[in-house]
Amino acid sequence: MLPAIGVILGLAAIGAPARAQPTLVFAGYGGSSETAFRERILPPFEQANDVRVDYVAGTSATNLARLQAQRSRPEVDVALLDDGPMQQAIGLGLCDPLPTAPVLDDLYPLASAGGAGRAVGIGIVATGLAYNTETFRKLNRPPPQSWAELGDPALKGQVLVPSLSNSYGLHALLALARTEGGDARNIEPGFRFMSDAVAPGVLSFETSSAKISELFQTGEAALAVWGSGRTLALADTGFPVAFATPKEGAVALVSMACPVAGSDVAELSRQLILYLLSPEVQAALAEQAGWGPVNRQVILAPAVAGRVVYGPEAIDRLIRVDWAEVNAARPDWTRRWAREIER
């Protein structure tokens, strides 16, 4: 005798597996930025969308290499890279198009520059000079005034300049070129000053912000090329460090996100990026990570606004990088840097 249909359906329901929760892999920065994303930014998105977000930390260079290695079978779904490496990722076909959404109309132009409709800025910081205020006080020195102070003999052995593979190091080379009368098309003055005046006194060409922070805390570093957000995070621990904008100007660094081509959670990836652009998240990134908002609609409390790149006037003061021009020359510069600077 055949069992009743109701019994069959009941047994099928008991044996049916529960729907698996999707997983989205987000590749971003380490250090204080990772802490902000893990603890404050991503959990509400996970809860609202019933998704688990796995955070993979690494430098922009490391994560770009990861995307290239995985391009046939991508494991990363959303990538967060500095603007220079992000334009390389776009050129390599590693990013899918962004969705259309009203929030994209609320962004400063800098957030979309170079994104080609496939990546968008979610935060802005300035690259300038971080310095140990206690060391400078003992040396009876005022805060750093110029990029040229990276070559000051009085600070020999106490200067940090990240390698050219890092955006901070590349910004330093470009800034020194400008300071010495050159630019991206005439990089010679920058290499000359870096080789003759800066490199002999460099303590380290470290690219890890965690290691840079450590070298400040051990007292080995007195002056470094670093980002305003990273400097702020270290200062918030109580360490005597401050950020200085050189008289020649600080360089814009835009953290950009893109949906990775070939993702198996493409729609969730696009929704995560739109979420990161919302005023609420933008305000949280300013407070927690020290990133200036890219969304014009964000209103920050005065205590936060004074600590980040905030508003059109502050953004307009930053030195912009023509990444199409710079990335074309970067391979040659990298080889020259290895021969002449990090010998």
C-alpha atoms as a PDB file:
ATOM      1  CA  MET A   1       0.000   0.000   0.000  1.00  0.00           C
ATOM      2  CA  LEU A   2       1.329   3.462  -0.891  1.00  0.00           C
ATOM      3  CA  PRO A   3       1.833   5.859   2.021  1.00  0.00           C
ATOM      4  CA  ALA A   4      -0.507   8.828   2.256  1.00  0.00           C
ATOM      5  CA  ILE A   5       0.548  11.876   0.222  1.00  0.00           C
ATOM      6  CA  GLY A   6       0.617  14.006   3.379  1.00  0.00           C
ATOM      7  CA  VAL A   7       3.133  11.658   4.968  1.00  0.00           C
ATOM      8  CA  ILE A   8       5.346  11.806   1.875  1.00  0.00           C
ATOM      9  CA  LEU A   9       5.331  15.609   1.862  1.00  0.00           C
ATOM     10  CA  GLY A  10       6.066  15.690   5.551  1.00  0.00           C
ATOM     11  CA  LEU A  11       9.057  13.395   5.153  1.00  0.00           C
ATOM     12  CA  ALA A  12      10.315  15.484   2.227  1.00  0.00           C
ATOM     13  CA  ALA A  13      10.107  18.629   4.310  1.00  0.00           C
ATOM     14  CA  ILE A  14      12.012  17.002   7.144  1.00  0.00           C
ATOM     15  CA  GLY A  15      14.749  15.864   4.781  1.00  0.00           C
ATOM     16  CA  ALA A  16      15.038  19.138   2.817  1.00  0.00           C
ATOM     17  CA  PRO A  17      18.259  20.985   3.590  1.00  0.00           C
ATOM     18  CA  ALA A  18      18.028  24.567   4.845  1.00  0.00           C
ATOM     19  CA  ARG A  19      18.948  27.269   2.366  1.00  0.00           C
ATOM     20  CA  ALA A  20      22.649  28.013   2.686  1.00  0.00           C
ATOM     21  CA  GLN A  21      23.521  31.535   3.746  1.00  0.00           C
ATOM     22  CA  PRO A  22      25.478  33.238   0.932  1.00  0.00           C
ATOM     23  CA  THR A  23      29.016  34.411   1.574  1.00  0.00           C
ATOM     24  CA  LEU A  24      30.520  37.589   0.143  1.00  0.00           C
ATOM     25  CA  VAL A  25      34.300  38.060   0.221  1.00  0.00           C
ATOM     26  CA  PHE A  26      35.431  41.646   0.728  1.00  0.00           C
ATOM     27  CA  ALA A  27      39.123  42.446   0.168  1.00  0.00           C
ATOM     28  CA  GLY A  28      40.280  45.644   1.848  1.00  0.00           C
ATOM     29  CA  TYR A  29      42.988  47.264   3.931  1.00  0.00           C
ATOM     30  CA  GLY A  30      44.372  45.990   7.206  1.00  0.00           C
ATOM     31  CA  GLY A  31      45.000  47.840  10.457  1.00  0.00           C
ATOM     32  CA  SER A  32      42.538  50.415  11.763  1.00  0.00           C
ATOM     33  CA  SER A  33      40.490  50.257   8.552  1.00  0.00           C
ATOM     34  CA  GLU A  34      39.958  46.519   8.962  1.00  0.00           C
ATOM     35  CA  THR A  35      38.805  47.045  12.536  1.00  0.00           C
ATOM     36  CA  ALA A  36      36.257  49.664  11.451  1.00  0.00           C
ATOM     37  CA  PHE A  37      34.818  47.427   8.734  1.00  0.00           C
ATOM     38  CA  ARG A  38      34.663  44.291  10.847  1.00  0.00           C
ATOM     39  CA  GLU A  39      33.190  45.896  13.954  1.00  0.00           C
ATOM     40  CA  ARG A  40      31.054  48.790  12.710  1.00  0.00           C
ATOM     41  CA  ILE A  41      30.459  48.840   8.959  1.00  0.00           C
ATOM     42  CA  LEU A  42      29.807  45.285   7.783  1.00  0.00           C
ATOM     43  CA  PRO A  43      27.660  43.716  10.547  1.00  0.00           C
ATOM     44  CA  PRO A  44      24.502  45.784   9.756  1.00  0.00           C
ATOM     45  CA  PHE A  45      24.796  44.848   6.072  1.00  0.00           C
ATOM     46  CA  GLU A  46      25.165  41.170   6.958  1.00  0.00           C
ATOM     47  CA  GLN A  47      22.081  41.271   9.150  1.00  0.00           C
ATOM     48  CA  ALA A  48      19.928  43.225   6.694  1.00  0.00           C
ATOM     49  CA  ASN A  49      20.821  40.970   3.747  1.00  0.00           C
ATOM     50  CA  ASP A  50      21.215  37.605   5.505  1.00  0.00           C
ATOM     51  CA  VAL A  51      24.756  37.261   4.172  1.00  0.00           C
ATOM     52  CA  ARG A  52      28.110  36.492   5.726  1.00  0.00           C
ATOM     53  CA  VAL A  53      30.895  38.871   4.711  1.00  0.00           C
ATOM     54  CA  ASP A  54      34.422  37.456   4.921  1.00  0.00           C
ATOM     55  CA  TYR A  55      36.997  40.229   5.182  1.00  0.00           C
ATOM     56  CA  VAL A  56      40.387  39.633   3.533  1.00  0.00           C
ATOM     57  CA  ALA A  57      43.004  42.150   4.622  1.00  0.00           C
ATOM     58  CA  GLY A  58      45.982  43.235   2.526  1.00  0.00           C
ATOM     59  CA  THR A  59      47.676  46.169   0.871  1.00  0.00           C
ATOM     60  CA  SER A  60      46.310  47.459  -2.427  1.00  0.00           C
ATOM     61  CA  ALA A  61      49.240  45.860  -4.266  1.00  0.00           C
ATOM     62  CA  THR A  62      48.605  42.516  -2.555  1.00  0.00           C
ATOM     63  CA  ASN A  63      44.885  42.564  -3.249  1.00  0.00           C
ATOM     64  CA  LEU A  64      45.387  43.613  -6.871  1.00  0.00           C
ATOM     65  CA  ALA A  65      47.747  40.667  -7.319  1.00  0.00           C
ATOM     66  CA  ARG A  66      45.120  38.431  -5.683  1.00  0.00           C
ATOM     67  CA  LEU A  67      42.476  39.581  -8.175  1.00  0.00           C
ATOM     68  CA  GLN A  68      44.814  38.909 -11.095  1.00  0.00           C
ATOM     69  CA  ALA A  69      45.715  35.435  -9.841  1.00  0.00           C
ATOM     70  CA  GLN A  70      42.055  34.526  -9.369  1.00  0.00           C
ATOM     71  CA  ARG A  71      40.624  36.111 -12.499  1.00  0.00           C
ATOM     72  CA  SER A  72      39.463  32.808 -14.021  1.00  0.00           C
ATOM     73  CA  ARG A  73      37.805  31.734 -10.754  1.00  0.00           C
ATOM     74  CA  PRO A  74      37.480  34.813  -8.525  1.00  0.00           C
ATOM     75  CA  GLU A  75      37.196  34.292  -4.785  1.00  0.00           C
ATOM     76  CA  VAL A  76      36.904  38.012  -3.985  1.00  0.00           C
ATOM     77  CA  ASP A  77      33.535  39.642  -4.661  1.00  0.00           C
ATOM     78  CA  VAL A  78      34.184  43.282  -3.725  1.00  0.00           C
ATOM     79  CA  ALA A  79      37.640  44.852  -3.816  1.00  0.00           C
ATOM     80  CA  LEU A  80      38.729  48.016  -2.029  1.00  0.00           C
ATOM     81  CA  LEU A  81      41.911  49.491  -3.496  1.00  0.00           C
ATOM     82  CA  ASP A  82      43.726  52.808  -3.643  1.00  0.00           C
ATOM     83  CA  ASP A  83      42.747  54.812  -6.712  1.00  0.00           C
ATOM     84  CA  GLY A  84      45.957  54.077  -8.648  1.00  0.00           C
ATOM     85  CA  PRO A  85      45.808  50.274  -8.335  1.00  0.00           C
ATOM     86  CA  MET A  86      42.058  50.407  -8.894  1.00  0.00           C
ATOM     87  CA  GLN A  87      42.548  51.997 -12.297  1.00  0.00           C
ATOM     88  CA  GLN A  88      44.958  49.192 -13.091  1.00  0.00           C
ATOM     89  CA  ALA A  89      42.306  46.660 -12.042  1.00  0.00           C
ATOM     90  CA  ILE A  90      39.747  48.310 -14.301  1.00  0.00           C
ATOM     91  CA  GLY A  91      42.186  48.289 -17.221  1.00  0.00           C
ATOM     92  CA  LEU A  92      42.757  44.568 -16.675  1.00  0.00           C
ATOM     93  CA  GLY A  93      39.034  43.858 -16.868  1.00  0.00           C
ATOM     94  CA  LEU A  94      38.774  42.783 -13.232  1.00  0.00           C
ATOM     95  CA  CYS A  95      35.759  44.950 -12.329  1.00  0.00           C
ATOM     96  CA  ASP A  96      32.117  44.699 -13.368  1.00  0.00           C
ATOM     97  CA  PRO A  97      29.956  47.770 -14.066  1.00  0.00           C
ATOM     98  CA  LEU A  98      28.431  49.587 -11.114  1.00  0.00           C
ATOM     99  CA  PRO A  99      24.663  49.677 -10.732  1.00  0.00           C
ATOM    100  CA  THR A 100      22.711  52.852 -11.373  1.00  0.00           C
ATOM    101  CA  ALA A 101      21.389  54.434  -8.185  1.00  0.00           C
ATOM    102  CA  PRO A 102      20.402  57.919  -6.936  1.00  0.00           C
ATOM    103  CA  VAL A 103      23.236  57.938  -4.378  1.00  0.00           C
ATOM    104  CA  LEU A 104      25.787  58.129  -7.203  1.00  0.00           C
ATOM    105  CA  ASP A 105      24.473  61.607  -8.042  1.00  0.00           C
ATOM    106  CA  ASP A 106      25.322  62.776  -4.519  1.00  0.00           C
ATOM    107  CA  LEU A 107      29.069  62.144  -4.822  1.00  0.00           C
ATOM    108  CA  TYR A 108      31.910  64.607  -5.286  1.00  0.00           C
ATOM    109  CA  PRO A 109      33.451  64.325  -8.780  1.00  0.00           C
ATOM    110  CA  LEU A 110      36.703  63.039  -7.255  1.00  0.00           C
ATOM    111  CA  ALA A 111      34.875  59.874  -6.153  1.00  0.00           C
ATOM    112  CA  SER A 112      34.028  58.939  -9.730  1.00  0.00           C
ATOM    113  CA  ALA A 113      37.183  60.179 -11.447  1.00  0.00           C
ATOM    114  CA  GLY A 114      38.879  57.352 -13.313  1.00  0.00           C
ATOM    115  CA  GLY A 115      36.292  54.813 -12.205  1.00  0.00           C
ATOM    116  CA  ALA A 116      34.946  54.308 -15.734  1.00  0.00           C
ATOM    117  CA  GLY A 117      31.587  53.330 -14.272  1.00  0.00           C
ATOM    118  CA  ARG A 118      33.158  50.243 -12.691  1.00  0.00           C
ATOM    119  CA  ALA A 119      34.613  51.598  -9.432  1.00  0.00           C
ATOM    120  CA  VAL A 120      33.727  54.405  -7.078  1.00  0.00           C
ATOM    121  CA  GLY A 121      35.474  56.161  -4.229  1.00  0.00           C
ATOM    122  CA  ILE A 122      34.108  55.527  -0.759  1.00  0.00           C
ATOM    123  CA  GLY A 123      36.579  57.648   1.217  1.00  0.00           C
ATOM    124  CA  ILE A 124      39.188  60.370   0.778  1.00  0.00           C
ATOM    125  CA  VAL A 125      42.365  60.893   2.779  1.00  0.00           C
ATOM    126  CA  ALA A 126      45.398  63.104   2.326  1.00  0.00           C
ATOM    127  CA  THR A 127      48.956  61.849   1.954  1.00  0.00           C
ATOM    128  CA  GLY A 128      51.359  64.113   3.790  1.00  0.00           C
ATOM    129  CA  LEU A 129      53.827  63.977   6.659  1.00  0.00           C
ATOM    130  CA  ALA A 130      53.219  62.203   9.960  1.00  0.00           C
ATOM    131  CA  TYR A 131      55.596  63.151  12.745  1.00  0.00           C
ATOM    132  CA  ASN A 132      56.362  62.260  16.351  1.00  0.00           C
ATOM    133  CA  THR A 133      55.416  65.433  18.206  1.00  0.00           C
ATOM    134  CA  GLU A 134      57.517  64.512  21.240  1.00  0.00           C
ATOM    135  CA  THR A 135      60.649  63.925  19.137  1.00  0.00           C
ATOM    136  CA  PHE A 136      60.141  67.207  17.300  1.00  0.00           C
ATOM    137  CA  ARG A 137      59.670  69.008  20.643  1.00  0.00           C
ATOM    138  CA  LYS A 138      62.934  67.577  21.983  1.00  0.00           C
ATOM    139  CA  LEU A 139      64.714  68.684  18.805  1.00  0.00           C
ATOM    140  CA  ASN A 140      63.125  72.121  19.206  1.00  0.00           C
ATOM    141  CA  ARG A 141      61.654  71.800  15.706  1.00  0.00           C
ATOM    142  CA  PRO A 142      58.338  73.164  14.483  1.00  0.00           C
ATOM    143  CA  PRO A 143      55.944  70.772  12.711  1.00  0.00           C
ATOM    144  CA  PRO A 144      57.152  69.736   9.245  1.00  0.00           C
ATOM    145  CA  GLN A 145      56.600  72.469   6.684  1.00  0.00           C
ATOM    146  CA  SER A 146      57.802  70.924   3.435  1.00  0.00           C
ATOM    147  CA  TRP A 147      58.218  67.642   1.623  1.00  0.00           C
ATOM    148  CA  ALA A 148      61.906  68.522   1.407  1.00  0.00           C
ATOM    149  CA  GLU A 149      62.280  67.844   5.152  1.00  0.00           C
ATOM    150  CA  LEU A 150      62.338  64.147   4.306  1.00  0.00           C
ATOM    151  CA  GLY A 151      65.949  64.795   3.340  1.00  0.00           C
ATOM    152  CA  ASP A 152      66.933  66.783   6.436  1.00  0.00           C
ATOM    153  CA  PRO A 153      70.253  65.385   7.763  1.00  0.00           C
ATOM    154  CA  ALA A 154      69.109  66.102  11.335  1.00  0.00           C
ATOM    155  CA  LEU A 155      66.519  63.326  10.944  1.00  0.00           C
ATOM    156  CA  LYS A 156      68.812  60.800   9.314  1.00  0.00           C
ATOM    157  CA  GLY A 157      67.878  57.251  10.256  1.00  0.00           C
ATOM    158  CA  GLN A 158      64.466  58.315  11.569  1.00  0.00           C
ATOM    159  CA  VAL A 159      62.551  58.767   8.294  1.00  0.00           C
ATOM    160  CA  LEU A 160      60.034  56.335   6.801  1.00  0.00           C
ATOM    161  CA  VAL A 161      59.175  56.409   3.090  1.00  0.00           C
ATOM    162  CA  PRO A 162      57.020  53.515   1.845  1.00  0.00           C
ATOM    163  CA  SER A 163      58.217  51.712  -1.262  1.00  0.00           C
ATOM    164  CA  LEU A 164      56.985  52.749  -4.704  1.00  0.00           C
ATOM    165  CA  SER A 165      54.648  49.738  -4.759  1.00  0.00           C
ATOM    166  CA  ASN A 166      52.621  51.610  -2.158  1.00  0.00           C
ATOM    167  CA  SER A 167      50.484  54.678  -2.930  1.00  0.00           C
ATOM    168  CA  TYR A 168      52.150  56.665  -0.139  1.00  0.00           C
ATOM    169  CA  GLY A 169      55.592  56.051  -1.652  1.00  0.00           C
ATOM    170  CA  LEU A 170      54.415  56.963  -5.129  1.00  0.00           C
ATOM    171  CA  HIS A 171      52.802  60.132  -3.773  1.00  0.00           C
ATOM    172  CA  ALA A 172      56.083  61.046  -2.098  1.00  0.00           C
ATOM    173  CA  LEU A 173      57.996  60.715  -5.365  1.00  0.00           C
ATOM    174  CA  LEU A 174      55.446  62.846  -7.208  1.00  0.00           C
ATOM    175  CA  ALA A 175      55.380  65.449  -4.435  1.00  0.00           C
ATOM    176  CA  LEU A 176      59.162  65.723  -4.356  1.00  0.00           C
ATOM    177  CA  ALA A 177      59.208  66.094  -8.129  1.00  0.00           C
ATOM    178  CA  ARG A 178      56.769  69.024  -7.800  1.00  0.00           C
ATOM    179  CA  THR A 179      58.778  70.516  -4.943  1.00  0.00           C
ATOM    180  CA  GLU A 180      61.937  70.386  -7.054  1.00  0.00           C
ATOM    181  CA  GLY A 181      60.313  71.893 -10.144  1.00  0.00           C
ATOM    182  CA  GLY A 182      59.168  68.761 -11.976  1.00  0.00           C
ATOM    183  CA  ASP A 183      55.940  66.788 -12.281  1.00  0.00           C
ATOM    184  CA  ALA A 184      54.662  63.402 -13.463  1.00  0.00           C
ATOM    185  CA  ARG A 185      55.933  64.115 -16.976  1.00  0.00           C
ATOM    186  CA  ASN A 186      59.297  65.244 -15.638  1.00  0.00           C
ATOM    187  CA  ILE A 187      59.948  62.906 -12.736  1.00  0.00           C
ATOM    188  CA  GLU A 188      63.737  63.372 -12.855  1.00  0.00           C
ATOM    189  CA  PRO A 189      63.868  66.034 -10.074  1.00  0.00           C
ATOM    190  CA  GLY A 190      61.923  63.732  -7.787  1.00  0.00           C
ATOM    191  CA  PHE A 191      64.232  60.769  -8.333  1.00  0.00           C
ATOM    192  CA  ARG A 192      67.286  62.958  -7.961  1.00  0.00           C
ATOM    193  CA  PHE A 193      66.166  64.423  -4.620  1.00  0.00           C
ATOM    194  CA  MET A 194      64.988  61.042  -3.361  1.00  0.00           C
ATOM    195  CA  SER A 195      68.285  59.375  -4.291  1.00  0.00           C
ATOM    196  CA  ASP A 196      70.643  62.128  -3.125  1.00  0.00           C
ATOM    197  CA  ALA A 197      68.892  63.567  -0.083  1.00  0.00           C
ATOM    198  CA  VAL A 198      66.200  61.200   1.177  1.00  0.00           C
ATOM    199  CA  ALA A 199      67.247  57.578   0.629  1.00  0.00           C
ATOM    200  CA  PRO A 200      70.562  57.825   2.551  1.00  0.00           C
ATOM    201  CA  GLY A 201      68.634  58.770   5.696  1.00  0.00           C
ATOM    202  CA  VAL A 202      65.680  56.414   5.396  1.00  0.00           C
ATOM    203  CA  LEU A 203      65.124  54.043   8.285  1.00  0.00           C
ATOM    204  CA  SER A 204      62.763  51.825   6.294  1.00  0.00           C
ATOM    205  CA  PHE A 205      60.831  51.599   3.028  1.00  0.00           C
ATOM    206  CA  GLU A 206      58.086  49.729   4.881  1.00  0.00           C
ATOM    207  CA  THR A 207      54.687  49.470   3.157  1.00  0.00           C
ATOM    208  CA  SER A 208      52.646  47.923   5.972  1.00  0.00           C
ATOM    209  CA  SER A 209      50.793  50.584   7.933  1.00  0.00           C
ATOM    210  CA  ALA A 210      50.788  48.264  10.945  1.00  0.00           C
ATOM    211  CA  LYS A 211      54.598  48.122  10.811  1.00  0.00           C
ATOM    212  CA  ILE A 212      54.856  51.886  10.270  1.00  0.00           C
ATOM    213  CA  SER A 213      52.714  52.357  13.374  1.00  0.00           C
ATOM    214  CA  GLU A 214      54.988  49.988  15.284  1.00  0.00           C
ATOM    215  CA  LEU A 215      58.140  51.866  14.220  1.00  0.00           C
ATOM    216  CA  PHE A 216      56.589  55.100  15.477  1.00  0.00           C
ATOM    217  CA  GLN A 217      55.650  53.502  18.776  1.00  0.00           C
ATOM    218  CA  THR A 218      59.123  52.072  19.374  1.00  0.00           C
ATOM    219  CA  GLY A 219      60.586  55.545  18.869  1.00  0.00           C
ATOM    220  CA  GLU A 220      62.603  54.547  15.819  1.00  0.00           C
ATOM    221  CA  ALA A 221      60.615  56.734  13.413  1.00  0.00           C
ATOM    222  CA  ALA A 222      60.266  60.485  13.781  1.00  0.00           C
ATOM    223  CA  LEU A 223      58.895  61.424  10.347  1.00  0.00           C
ATOM    224  CA  ALA A 224      56.973  59.403   7.758  1.00  0.00           C
ATOM    225  CA  VAL A 225      55.076  59.723   4.519  1.00  0.00           C
ATOM    226  CA  TRP A 226      51.652  58.532   5.613  1.00  0.00           C
ATOM    227  CA  GLY A 227      47.933  59.083   5.285  1.00  0.00           C
ATOM    228  CA  SER A 228      45.864  61.430   7.416  1.00  0.00           C
ATOM    229  CA  GLY A 229      43.494  58.621   8.411  1.00  0.00           C
ATOM    230  CA  ARG A 230      46.275  56.261   9.512  1.00  0.00           C
ATOM    231  CA  THR A 231      47.948  59.051  11.485  1.00  0.00           C
ATOM    232  CA  LEU A 232      44.676  59.898  13.188  1.00  0.00           C
ATOM    233  CA  ALA A 233      44.121  56.269  14.173  1.00  0.00           C
ATOM    234  CA  LEU A 234      47.529  56.116  15.848  1.00  0.00           C
ATOM    235  CA  ALA A 235      47.010  59.466  17.557  1.00  0.00           C
ATOM    236  CA  ASP A 236      43.707  58.198  18.952  1.00  0.00           C
ATOM    237  CA  THR A 237      45.624  55.541  20.904  1.00  0.00           C
ATOM    238  CA  GLY A 238      47.333  58.326  22.844  1.00  0.00           C
ATOM    239  CA  PHE A 239      50.630  58.194  20.965  1.00  0.00           C
ATOM    240  CA  PRO A 240      52.225  61.621  20.316  1.00  0.00           C
ATOM    241  CA  VAL A 241      51.861  61.723  16.532  1.00  0.00           C
ATOM    242  CA  ALA A 242      50.280  64.349  14.284  1.00  0.00           C
ATOM    243  CA  PHE A 243      49.660  64.926  10.590  1.00  0.00           C
ATOM    244  CA  ALA A 244      51.193  67.884   8.763  1.00  0.00           C
ATOM    245  CA  THR A 245      50.148  69.215   5.373  1.00  0.00           C
ATOM    246  CA  PRO A 246      53.296  70.379   3.539  1.00  0.00           C
ATOM    247  CA  LYS A 247      53.221  73.927   2.157  1.00  0.00           C
ATOM    248  CA  GLU A 248      53.489  72.442  -1.342  1.00  0.00           C
ATOM    249  CA  GLY A 249      50.242  70.541  -0.684  1.00  0.00           C
ATOM    250  CA  ALA A 250      49.032  67.100   0.388  1.00  0.00           C
ATOM    251  CA  VAL A 251      48.134  64.476  -2.206  1.00  0.00           C
ATOM    252  CA  ALA A 252      44.630  63.073  -2.645  1.00  0.00           C
ATOM    253  CA  LEU A 253      44.241  59.360  -1.984  1.00  0.00           C
ATOM    254  CA  VAL A 254      40.835  57.924  -2.807  1.00  0.00           C
ATOM    255  CA  SER A 255      39.828  54.486  -1.529  1.00  0.00           C
ATOM    256  CA  MET A 256      37.784  52.920  -4.335  1.00  0.00           C
ATOM    257  CA  ALA A 257      35.500  49.883  -4.362  1.00  0.00           C
ATOM    258  CA  CYS A 258      34.504  47.748  -7.335  1.00  0.00           C
ATOM    259  CA  PRO A 259      32.319  44.683  -7.906  1.00  0.00           C
ATOM    260  CA  VAL A 260      34.726  41.967  -9.024  1.00  0.00           C
ATOM    261  CA  ALA A 261      34.037  40.482 -12.455  1.00  0.00           C
ATOM    262  CA  GLY A 262      32.796  36.899 -12.304  1.00  0.00           C
ATOM    263  CA  SER A 263      31.471  37.061  -8.737  1.00  0.00           C
ATOM    264  CA  ASP A 264      28.820  34.471  -7.916  1.00  0.00           C
ATOM    265  CA  VAL A 265      27.069  36.996  -5.637  1.00  0.00           C
ATOM    266  CA  ALA A 266      27.126  39.877  -8.105  1.00  0.00           C
ATOM    267  CA  GLU A 267      23.896  41.529  -6.960  1.00  0.00           C
ATOM    268  CA  LEU A 268      24.941  41.464  -3.289  1.00  0.00           C
ATOM    269  CA  SER A 269      28.332  42.888  -4.290  1.00  0.00           C
ATOM    270  CA  ARG A 270      26.699  45.854  -5.992  1.00  0.00           C
ATOM    271  CA  GLN A 271      24.366  46.386  -3.056  1.00  0.00           C
ATOM    272  CA  LEU A 272      27.308  46.411  -0.631  1.00  0.00           C
ATOM    273  CA  ILE A 273      29.009  49.181  -2.597  1.00  0.00           C
ATOM    274  CA  LEU A 274      25.822  51.289  -2.615  1.00  0.00           C
ATOM    275  CA  TYR A 275      25.532  50.680   1.136  1.00  0.00           C
ATOM    276  CA  LEU A 276      29.094  51.976   1.653  1.00  0.00           C
ATOM    277  CA  LEU A 277      28.074  55.214  -0.096  1.00  0.00           C
ATOM    278  CA  SER A 278      25.074  55.871   2.143  1.00  0.00           C
ATOM    279  CA  PRO A 279      25.306  58.945   4.409  1.00  0.00           C
ATOM    280  CA  GLU A 280      25.129  56.799   7.542  1.00  0.00           C
ATOM    281  CA  VAL A 281      28.059  54.600   6.547  1.00  0.00           C
ATOM    282  CA  GLN A 282      30.027  57.553   5.216  1.00  0.00           C
ATOM    283  CA  ALA A 283      29.689  59.271   8.587  1.00  0.00           C
ATOM    284  CA  ALA A 284      30.780  56.081  10.365  1.00  0.00           C
ATOM    285  CA  LEU A 285      33.849  55.759   8.114  1.00  0.00           C
ATOM    286  CA  ALA A 286      34.788  59.346   8.931  1.00  0.00           C
ATOM    287  CA  GLU A 287      34.455  58.726  12.651  1.00  0.00           C
ATOM    288  CA  GLN A 288      35.991  55.254  12.797  1.00  0.00           C
ATOM    289  CA  ALA A 289      38.569  55.206   9.973  1.00  0.00           C
ATOM    290  CA  GLY A 290      39.357  58.906   9.488  1.00  0.00           C
ATOM    291  CA  TRP A 291      38.148  58.900   5.868  1.00  0.00           C
ATOM    292  CA  GLY A 292      36.669  62.039   4.388  1.00  0.00           C
ATOM    293  CA  PRO A 293      33.150  61.475   3.010  1.00  0.00           C
ATOM    294  CA  VAL A 294      32.643  61.282  -0.753  1.00  0.00           C
ATOM    295  CA  ASN A 295      28.902  61.846  -0.350  1.00  0.00           C
ATOM    296  CA  ARG A 296      28.007  65.554  -0.409  1.00  0.00           C
ATOM    297  CA  GLN A 297      24.940  64.932   1.739  1.00  0.00           C
ATOM    298  CA  VAL A 298      26.942  63.830   4.782  1.00  0.00           C
ATOM    299  CA  ILE A 299      26.885  66.196   7.742  1.00  0.00           C
ATOM    300  CA  LEU A 300      29.587  65.506  10.303  1.00  0.00           C
ATOM    301  CA  ALA A 301      29.733  66.615  13.902  1.00  0.00           C
ATOM    302  CA  PRO A 302      32.293  69.424  14.352  1.00  0.00           C
ATOM    303  CA  ALA A 303      34.587  67.163  16.385  1.00  0.00           C
ATOM    304  CA  VAL A 304      34.784  64.705  13.481  1.00  0.00           C
ATOM    305  CA  ALA A 305      34.712  67.256  10.646  1.00  0.00           C
ATOM    306  CA  GLY A 306      37.887  68.907  11.917  1.00  0.00           C
ATOM    307  CA  ARG A 307      39.813  65.648  11.756  1.00  0.00           C
ATOM    308  CA  VAL A 308      39.142  64.481   8.201  1.00  0.00           C
ATOM    309  CA  VAL A 309      39.101  65.779   4.612  1.00  0.00           C
ATOM    310  CA  TYR A 310      35.601  67.237   4.662  1.00  0.00           C
ATOM    311  CA  GLY A 311      33.722  69.393   2.205  1.00  0.00           C
ATOM    312  CA  PRO A 312      34.420  70.818  -1.263  1.00  0.00           C
ATOM    313  CA  GLU A 313      37.039  73.352  -0.177  1.00  0.00           C
ATOM    314  CA  ALA A 314      39.176  70.759   1.617  1.00  0.00           C
ATOM    315  CA  ILE A 315      38.899  68.370  -1.322  1.00  0.00           C
ATOM    316  CA  ASP A 316      39.799  71.065  -3.841  1.00  0.00           C
ATOM    317  CA  ARG A 317      43.019  71.855  -1.937  1.00  0.00           C
ATOM    318  CA  LEU A 318      44.371  68.355  -2.454  1.00  0.00           C
ATOM    319  CA  ILE A 319      46.845  67.609  -5.234  1.00  0.00           C
ATOM    320  CA  ARG A 320      45.209  65.306  -7.793  1.00  0.00           C
ATOM    321  CA  VAL A 321      47.087  62.490  -9.511  1.00  0.00           C
ATOM    322  CA  ASP A 322      46.559  61.787 -13.203  1.00  0.00           C
ATOM    323  CA  TRP A 323      46.533  58.013 -12.828  1.00  0.00           C
ATOM    324  CA  ALA A 324      46.313  57.275 -16.529  1.00  0.00           C
ATOM    325  CA  GLU A 325      49.578  59.140 -17.020  1.00  0.00           C
ATOM    326  CA  VAL A 326      51.239  57.817 -13.858  1.00  0.00           C
ATOM    327  CA  ASN A 327      50.276  54.167 -14.335  1.00  0.00           C
ATOM    328  CA  ALA A 328      51.685  54.240 -17.865  1.00  0.00           C
ATOM    329  CA  ALA A 329      55.066  55.308 -16.485  1.00  0.00           C
ATOM    330  CA  ARG A 330      54.935  53.296 -13.268  1.00  0.00           C
ATOM    331  CA  PRO A 331      56.668  50.116 -14.517  1.00  0.00           C
ATOM    332  CA  ASP A 332      59.710  52.150 -15.616  1.00  0.00           C
ATOM    333  CA  TRP A 333      59.690  54.091 -12.363  1.00  0.00           C
ATOM    334  CA  THR A 334      59.487  50.862 -10.367  1.00  0.00           C
ATOM    335  CA  ARG A 335      62.558  49.439 -12.092  1.00  0.00           C
ATOM    336  CA  ARG A 336      64.434  52.685 -11.571  1.00  0.00           C
ATOM    337  CA  TRP A 337      63.385  52.823  -7.907  1.00  0.00           C
ATOM    338  CA  ALA A 338      64.827  49.336  -7.369  1.00  0.00           C
ATOM    339  CA  ARG A 339      68.131  50.355  -8.975  1.00  0.00           C
ATOM    340  CA  GLU A 340      68.578  53.797  -7.441  1.00  0.00           C
ATOM    341  CA  ILE A 341      66.531  54.096  -4.238  1.00  0.00           C
ATOM    342  CA  GLU A 342      66.102  50.722  -2.516  1.00  0.00           C
ATOM    343  CA  ARG A 343      69.485  49.419  -3.504  1.00  0.00           C
END
